[in-house]
Each structure stands twice: as C-alpha cells, then as structure tokens.
PDB file of all heavy atoms in Angstrom:
ATOM      1  N   ALA A   1     160.714 -15.377   3.497  1.00  0.00           N
ATOM      2  CA  ALA A   1     159.702 -14.464   4.001  1.00  0.00           C
ATOM      3  C   ALA A   1     159.628 -14.625   5.505  1.00  0.00           C
ATOM      4  O   ALA A   1     159.937 -15.696   6.051  1.00  0.00           O
ATOM      5  CB  ALA A   1     158.350 -14.772   3.363  1.00  0.00           C
ATOM      6  N   PRO A   2     159.218 -13.569   6.237  1.00  0.00           N
ATOM      7  CA  PRO A   2     159.188 -13.652   7.688  1.00  0.00           C
ATOM      8  C   PRO A   2     158.449 -14.877   8.202  1.00  0.00           C
ATOM      9  O   PRO A   2     158.866 -15.515   9.171  1.00  0.00           O
ATOM     10  CB  PRO A   2     158.495 -12.348   8.093  1.00  0.00           C
ATOM     11  CG  PRO A   2     158.853 -11.398   6.997  1.00  0.00           C
ATOM     12  CD  PRO A   2     158.868 -12.229   5.755  1.00  0.00           C
ATOM     13  N   ALA A   3     157.351 -15.258   7.573  1.00  0.00           N
ATOM     14  CA  ALA A   3     156.570 -16.394   8.037  1.00  0.00           C
ATOM     15  C   ALA A   3     157.323 -17.703   7.893  1.00  0.00           C
ATOM     16  O   ALA A   3     157.009 -18.700   8.542  1.00  0.00           O
ATOM     17  CB  ALA A   3     155.248 -16.466   7.273  1.00  0.00           C
ATOM     18  N   ASP A   4     158.330 -17.705   7.032  1.00  0.00           N
ATOM     19  CA  ASP A   4     159.082 -18.932   6.784  1.00  0.00           C
ATOM     20  C   ASP A   4     160.353 -19.021   7.609  1.00  0.00           C
ATOM     21  O   ASP A   4     161.093 -19.994   7.505  1.00  0.00           O
ATOM     22  CB  ASP A   4     159.458 -19.023   5.295  1.00  0.00           C
ATOM     23  CG  ASP A   4     158.234 -19.120   4.413  1.00  0.00           C
ATOM     24  OD1 ASP A   4     157.228 -19.656   4.894  1.00  0.00           O
ATOM     25  OD2 ASP A   4     158.314 -18.653   3.259  1.00  0.00           O
ATOM     26  N   HIS A   5     160.633 -18.007   8.432  1.00  0.00           N
ATOM     27  CA  HIS A   5     161.905 -17.972   9.149  1.00  0.00           C
ATOM     28  C   HIS A   5     162.077 -19.179  10.066  1.00  0.00           C
ATOM     29  O   HIS A   5     163.146 -19.778  10.125  1.00  0.00           O
ATOM     30  CB  HIS A   5     162.023 -16.687   9.975  1.00  0.00           C
ATOM     31  CG  HIS A   5     162.552 -15.526   9.190  1.00  0.00           C
ATOM     32  ND1 HIS A   5     163.222 -15.674   7.999  1.00  0.00           N
ATOM     33  CD2 HIS A   5     162.517 -14.184   9.443  1.00  0.00           C
ATOM     34  CE1 HIS A   5     163.569 -14.482   7.544  1.00  0.00           C
ATOM     35  NE2 HIS A   5     163.153 -13.567   8.398  1.00  0.00           N
ATOM     36  N   ALA A   6     161.039 -19.534  10.810  1.00  0.00           N
ATOM     37  CA  ALA A   6     161.155 -20.634  11.760  1.00  0.00           C
ATOM     38  C   ALA A   6     161.465 -21.942  11.037  1.00  0.00           C
ATOM     39  O   ALA A   6     162.325 -22.719  11.455  1.00  0.00           O
ATOM     40  CB  ALA A   6     159.873 -20.768  12.573  1.00  0.00           C
ATOM     41  N   GLN A   7     160.763 -22.167   9.933  1.00  0.00           N
ATOM     42  CA  GLN A   7     160.997 -23.380   9.161  1.00  0.00           C
ATOM     43  C   GLN A   7     162.412 -23.379   8.573  1.00  0.00           C
ATOM     44  O   GLN A   7     163.112 -24.396   8.615  1.00  0.00           O
ATOM     45  CB  GLN A   7     159.971 -23.514   8.041  1.00  0.00           C
ATOM     46  CG  GLN A   7     160.157 -24.764   7.189  1.00  0.00           C
ATOM     47  CD  GLN A   7     159.123 -24.845   6.081  1.00  0.00           C
ATOM     48  OE1 GLN A   7     158.235 -24.004   5.979  1.00  0.00           O
ATOM     49  NE2 GLN A   7     159.241 -25.868   5.252  1.00  0.00           N
ATOM     50  N   ALA A   8     162.830 -22.220   8.026  1.00  0.00           N
ATOM     51  CA  ALA A   8     164.161 -22.125   7.442  1.00  0.00           C
ATOM     52  C   ALA A   8     165.235 -22.351   8.500  1.00  0.00           C
ATOM     53  O   ALA A   8     166.242 -23.019   8.254  1.00  0.00           O
ATOM     54  CB  ALA A   8     164.343 -20.765   6.777  1.00  0.00           C
ATOM     55  N   GLN A   9     165.029 -21.774   9.698  1.00  0.00           N
ATOM     56  CA  GLN A   9     166.001 -21.952  10.771  1.00  0.00           C
ATOM     57  C   GLN A   9     166.080 -23.418  11.196  1.00  0.00           C
ATOM     58  O   GLN A   9     167.160 -23.949  11.455  1.00  0.00           O
ATOM     59  CB  GLN A   9     165.616 -21.082  11.979  1.00  0.00           C
ATOM     60  CG  GLN A   9     166.668 -21.031  13.075  1.00  0.00           C
ATOM     61  CD  GLN A   9     167.866 -20.206  12.674  1.00  0.00           C
ATOM     62  OE1 GLN A   9     167.767 -19.340  11.810  1.00  0.00           O
ATOM     63  NE2 GLN A   9     169.008 -20.467  13.282  1.00  0.00           N
ATOM     64  N   ALA A  10     164.938 -24.088  11.255  1.00  0.00           N
ATOM     65  CA  ALA A  10     164.925 -25.501  11.639  1.00  0.00           C
ATOM     66  C   ALA A  10     165.683 -26.343  10.618  1.00  0.00           C
ATOM     67  O   ALA A  10     166.440 -27.253  10.983  1.00  0.00           O
ATOM     68  CB  ALA A  10     163.488 -25.993  11.766  1.00  0.00           C
ATOM     69  N   GLN A  11     165.488 -26.027   9.330  1.00  0.00           N
ATOM     70  CA  GLN A  11     166.199 -26.754   8.291  1.00  0.00           C
ATOM     71  C   GLN A  11     167.701 -26.506   8.387  1.00  0.00           C
ATOM     72  O   GLN A  11     168.508 -27.420   8.207  1.00  0.00           O
ATOM     73  CB  GLN A  11     165.679 -26.340   6.916  1.00  0.00           C
ATOM     74  CG  GLN A  11     164.257 -26.800   6.641  1.00  0.00           C
ATOM     75  CD  GLN A  11     163.714 -26.243   5.337  1.00  0.00           C
ATOM     76  OE1 GLN A  11     164.265 -25.292   4.776  1.00  0.00           O
ATOM     77  NE2 GLN A  11     162.631 -26.826   4.849  1.00  0.00           N
ATOM     78  N   LEU A  12     168.052 -25.242   8.670  1.00  0.00           N
ATOM     79  CA  LEU A  12     169.467 -24.891   8.826  1.00  0.00           C
ATOM     80  C   LEU A  12     170.098 -25.703   9.945  1.00  0.00           C
ATOM     81  O   LEU A  12     171.171 -26.289   9.786  1.00  0.00           O
ATOM     82  CB  LEU A  12     169.572 -23.398   9.105  1.00  0.00           C
ATOM     83  CG  LEU A  12     170.954 -22.777   9.314  1.00  0.00           C
ATOM     84  CD1 LEU A  12     170.902 -21.315   8.897  1.00  0.00           C
ATOM     85  CD2 LEU A  12     171.398 -22.858  10.766  1.00  0.00           C
ATOM     86  N   GLU A  13     169.429 -25.763  11.111  1.00  0.00           N
ATOM     87  CA  GLU A  13     169.986 -26.458  12.248  1.00  0.00           C
ATOM     88  C   GLU A  13     170.058 -27.963  11.992  1.00  0.00           C
ATOM     89  O   GLU A  13     170.976 -28.644  12.449  1.00  0.00           O
ATOM     90  CB  GLU A  13     169.158 -26.144  13.491  1.00  0.00           C
ATOM     91  CG  GLU A  13     169.296 -24.686  13.930  1.00  0.00           C
ATOM     92  CD  GLU A  13     168.306 -24.292  15.005  1.00  0.00           C
ATOM     93  OE1 GLU A  13     167.418 -25.114  15.302  1.00  0.00           O
ATOM     94  OE2 GLU A  13     168.422 -23.181  15.534  1.00  0.00           O
ATOM     95  N   GLU A  14     169.086 -28.460  11.230  1.00  0.00           N
ATOM     96  CA  GLU A  14     169.091 -29.885  10.916  1.00  0.00           C
ATOM     97  C   GLU A  14     170.321 -30.244  10.076  1.00  0.00           C
ATOM     98  O   GLU A  14     170.905 -31.312  10.228  1.00  0.00           O
ATOM     99  CB  GLU A  14     167.807 -30.248  10.147  1.00  0.00           C
ATOM    100  CG  GLU A  14     167.672 -31.722   9.830  1.00  0.00           C
ATOM    101  CD  GLU A  14     166.376 -32.032   9.113  1.00  0.00           C
ATOM    102  OE1 GLU A  14     165.463 -31.185   9.151  1.00  0.00           O
ATOM    103  OE2 GLU A  14     166.290 -33.107   8.506  1.00  0.00           O
ATOM    104  N   ARG A  15     170.716 -29.349   9.192  1.00  0.00           N
ATOM    105  CA  ARG A  15     171.886 -29.596   8.368  1.00  0.00           C
ATOM    106  C   ARG A  15     173.191 -29.349   9.124  1.00  0.00           C
ATOM    107  O   ARG A  15     174.265 -29.676   8.647  1.00  0.00           O
ATOM    108  CB  ARG A  15     171.865 -28.682   7.138  1.00  0.00           C
ATOM    109  CG  ARG A  15     170.697 -28.911   6.190  1.00  0.00           C
ATOM    110  CD  ARG A  15     170.779 -27.940   5.040  1.00  0.00           C
ATOM    111  NE  ARG A  15     169.512 -27.846   4.327  1.00  0.00           N
ATOM    112  CZ  ARG A  15     169.279 -27.016   3.326  1.00  0.00           C
ATOM    113  NH1 ARG A  15     170.230 -26.189   2.932  1.00  0.00           N
ATOM    114  NH2 ARG A  15     168.116 -26.978   2.725  1.00  0.00           N
ATOM    115  N   GLY A  16     173.119 -28.737  10.287  1.00  0.00           N
ATOM    116  CA  GLY A  16     174.318 -28.479  11.069  1.00  0.00           C
ATOM    117  C   GLY A  16     175.139 -27.322  10.565  1.00  0.00           C
ATOM    118  O   GLY A  16     176.343 -27.235  10.855  1.00  0.00           O
ATOM    119  N   ARG A  17     174.544 -26.414   9.817  1.00  0.00           N
ATOM    120  CA  ARG A  17     175.303 -25.292   9.273  1.00  0.00           C
ATOM    121  C   ARG A  17     175.896 -24.450  10.395  1.00  0.00           C
ATOM    122  O   ARG A  17     175.229 -24.100  11.352  1.00  0.00           O
ATOM    123  CB  ARG A  17     174.409 -24.417   8.390  1.00  0.00           C
ATOM    124  CG  ARG A  17     174.201 -24.983   6.998  1.00  0.00           C
ATOM    125  CD  ARG A  17     173.391 -24.015   6.149  1.00  0.00           C
ATOM    126  NE  ARG A  17     173.909 -22.647   6.214  1.00  0.00           N
ATOM    127  CZ  ARG A  17     173.272 -21.590   5.716  1.00  0.00           C
ATOM    128  NH1 ARG A  17     172.091 -21.745   5.128  1.00  0.00           N
ATOM    129  NH2 ARG A  17     173.815 -20.390   5.808  1.00  0.00           N
ATOM    130  N   GLY A  18     177.175 -24.131  10.239  1.00  0.00           N
ATOM    131  CA  GLY A  18     177.867 -23.337  11.243  1.00  0.00           C
ATOM    132  C   GLY A  18     178.431 -24.149  12.389  1.00  0.00           C
ATOM    133  O   GLY A  18     179.087 -23.585  13.272  1.00  0.00           O
ATOM    134  N   THR A  19     178.209 -25.459  12.400  1.00  0.00           N
ATOM    135  CA  THR A  19     178.770 -26.312  13.445  1.00  0.00           C
ATOM    136  C   THR A  19     180.290 -26.355  13.318  1.00  0.00           C
ATOM    137  O   THR A  19     180.826 -26.566  12.229  1.00  0.00           O
ATOM    138  CB  THR A  19     178.212 -27.744  13.347  1.00  0.00           C
ATOM    139  OG1 THR A  19     176.795 -27.705  13.480  1.00  0.00           O
ATOM    140  CG2 THR A  19     178.808 -28.635  14.436  1.00  0.00           C
ATOM    141  N   LEU A  20     180.959 -26.172  14.423  1.00  0.00           N
ATOM    142  CA  LEU A  20     182.418 -26.182  14.427  1.00  0.00           C
ATOM    143  C   LEU A  20     182.922 -27.622  14.312  1.00  0.00           C
ATOM    144  O   LEU A  20     182.537 -28.496  15.087  1.00  0.00           O
ATOM    145  CB  LEU A  20     182.934 -25.547  15.715  1.00  0.00           C
ATOM    146  CG  LEU A  20     184.445 -25.365  15.844  1.00  0.00           C
ATOM    147  CD1 LEU A  20     184.952 -24.357  14.823  1.00  0.00           C
ATOM    148  CD2 LEU A  20     184.795 -24.894  17.263  1.00  0.00           C
ATOM    149  N   VAL A  21     183.785 -27.873  13.322  1.00  0.00           N
ATOM    150  CA  VAL A  21     184.397 -29.187  13.128  1.00  0.00           C
ATOM    151  C   VAL A  21     185.740 -29.264  13.847  1.00  0.00           C
ATOM    152  O   VAL A  21     186.046 -30.243  14.532  1.00  0.00           O
ATOM    153  CB  VAL A  21     184.576 -29.494  11.628  1.00  0.00           C
ATOM    154  CG1 VAL A  21     185.332 -30.803  11.425  1.00  0.00           C
ATOM    155  CG2 VAL A  21     183.225 -29.535  10.922  1.00  0.00           C
ATOM    156  N   SER A  22     186.556 -28.223  13.713  1.00  0.00           N
ATOM    157  CA  SER A  22     187.856 -28.211  14.379  1.00  0.00           C
ATOM    158  C   SER A  22     188.339 -26.783  14.524  1.00  0.00           C
ATOM    159  O   SER A  22     187.899 -25.877  13.798  1.00  0.00           O
ATOM    160  CB  SER A  22     188.888 -29.031  13.594  1.00  0.00           C
ATOM    161  OG  SER A  22     189.160 -28.425  12.337  1.00  0.00           O
ATOM    162  N   ALA A  23     189.249 -26.584  15.462  1.00  0.00           N
ATOM    163  CA  ALA A  23     189.883 -25.279  15.677  1.00  0.00           C
ATOM    164  C   ALA A  23     191.362 -25.504  15.943  1.00  0.00           C
ATOM    165  O   ALA A  23     191.727 -26.351  16.767  1.00  0.00           O
ATOM    166  CB  ALA A  23     189.238 -24.546  16.843  1.00  0.00           C
ATOM    167  N   GLU A  24     192.200 -24.765  15.260  1.00  0.00           N
ATOM    168  CA  GLU A  24     193.645 -24.907  15.375  1.00  0.00           C
ATOM    169  C   GLU A  24     194.277 -23.542  15.594  1.00  0.00           C
ATOM    170  O   GLU A  24     194.051 -22.616  14.806  1.00  0.00           O
ATOM    171  CB  GLU A  24     194.202 -25.535  14.097  1.00  0.00           C
ATOM    172  CG  GLU A  24     195.710 -25.602  14.021  1.00  0.00           C
ATOM    173  CD  GLU A  24     196.208 -26.036  12.655  1.00  0.00           C
ATOM    174  OE1 GLU A  24     195.377 -26.276  11.744  1.00  0.00           O
ATOM    175  OE2 GLU A  24     197.441 -26.127  12.481  1.00  0.00           O
ATOM    176  N   LYS A  25     195.037 -23.418  16.671  1.00  0.00           N
ATOM    177  CA  LYS A  25     195.763 -22.160  16.882  1.00  0.00           C
ATOM    178  C   LYS A  25     196.893 -22.088  15.868  1.00  0.00           C
ATOM    179  O   LYS A  25     197.708 -22.997  15.753  1.00  0.00           O
ATOM    180  CB  LYS A  25     196.319 -22.063  18.294  1.00  0.00           C
ATOM    181  CG  LYS A  25     197.036 -20.738  18.553  1.00  0.00           C
ATOM    182  CD  LYS A  25     197.667 -20.675  19.924  1.00  0.00           C
ATOM    183  CE  LYS A  25     196.630 -20.501  21.012  1.00  0.00           C
ATOM    184  NZ  LYS A  25     197.265 -20.245  22.349  1.00  0.00           N
ATOM    185  N   LEU A  26     196.938 -20.989  15.124  1.00  0.00           N
ATOM    186  CA  LEU A  26     197.948 -20.818  14.082  1.00  0.00           C
ATOM    187  C   LEU A  26     199.175 -20.075  14.583  1.00  0.00           C
ATOM    188  O   LEU A  26     200.311 -20.489  14.340  1.00  0.00           O
ATOM    189  CB  LEU A  26     197.340 -20.073  12.894  1.00  0.00           C
ATOM    190  CG  LEU A  26     196.170 -20.758  12.186  1.00  0.00           C
ATOM    191  CD1 LEU A  26     195.609 -19.854  11.091  1.00  0.00           C
ATOM    192  CD2 LEU A  26     196.608 -22.101  11.603  1.00  0.00           C
ATOM    193  N   TYR A  27     198.965 -18.964  15.277  1.00  0.00           N
ATOM    194  CA  TYR A  27     200.090 -18.174  15.779  1.00  0.00           C
ATOM    195  C   TYR A  27     199.580 -17.131  16.757  1.00  0.00           C
ATOM    196  O   TYR A  27     198.378 -16.821  16.796  1.00  0.00           O
ATOM    197  CB  TYR A  27     200.855 -17.489  14.641  1.00  0.00           C
ATOM    198  CG  TYR A  27     199.994 -16.722  13.649  1.00  0.00           C
ATOM    199  CD1 TYR A  27     199.683 -15.371  13.846  1.00  0.00           C
ATOM    200  CD2 TYR A  27     199.513 -17.350  12.509  1.00  0.00           C
ATOM    201  CE1 TYR A  27     198.910 -14.681  12.939  1.00  0.00           C
ATOM    202  CE2 TYR A  27     198.733 -16.654  11.589  1.00  0.00           C
ATOM    203  CZ  TYR A  27     198.438 -15.325  11.807  1.00  0.00           C
ATOM    204  OH  TYR A  27     197.662 -14.622  10.903  1.00  0.00           O
ATOM    205  N   THR A  28     200.486 -16.621  17.557  1.00  0.00           N
ATOM    206  CA  THR A  28     200.182 -15.556  18.508  1.00  0.00           C
ATOM    207  C   THR A  28     201.171 -14.418  18.300  1.00  0.00           C
ATOM    208  O   THR A  28     202.381 -14.640  18.227  1.00  0.00           O
ATOM    209  CB  THR A  28     200.277 -16.052  19.957  1.00  0.00           C
ATOM    210  OG1 THR A  28     199.375 -17.133  20.155  1.00  0.00           O
ATOM    211  CG2 THR A  28     199.932 -14.924  20.934  1.00  0.00           C
TER     212      THR A  28
END
C-alpha cells in the first residue's frame, strides 16, 4: 500500500536487492 512504500523500500535496500555482484563483457 502507498503508506507502506517507505518501509518496503528500506527493507529492500537492507537486503541489498539489485546490488551488482559482478559484470563480465561477453562479446562486442
């Protein structure tokens, strides 16, 4: 719910969701 967005976002960031672990160039 809209009122819960801030809390949900904080929990998301605490878990590190979307944090980049590694990047590898495959081909060009």
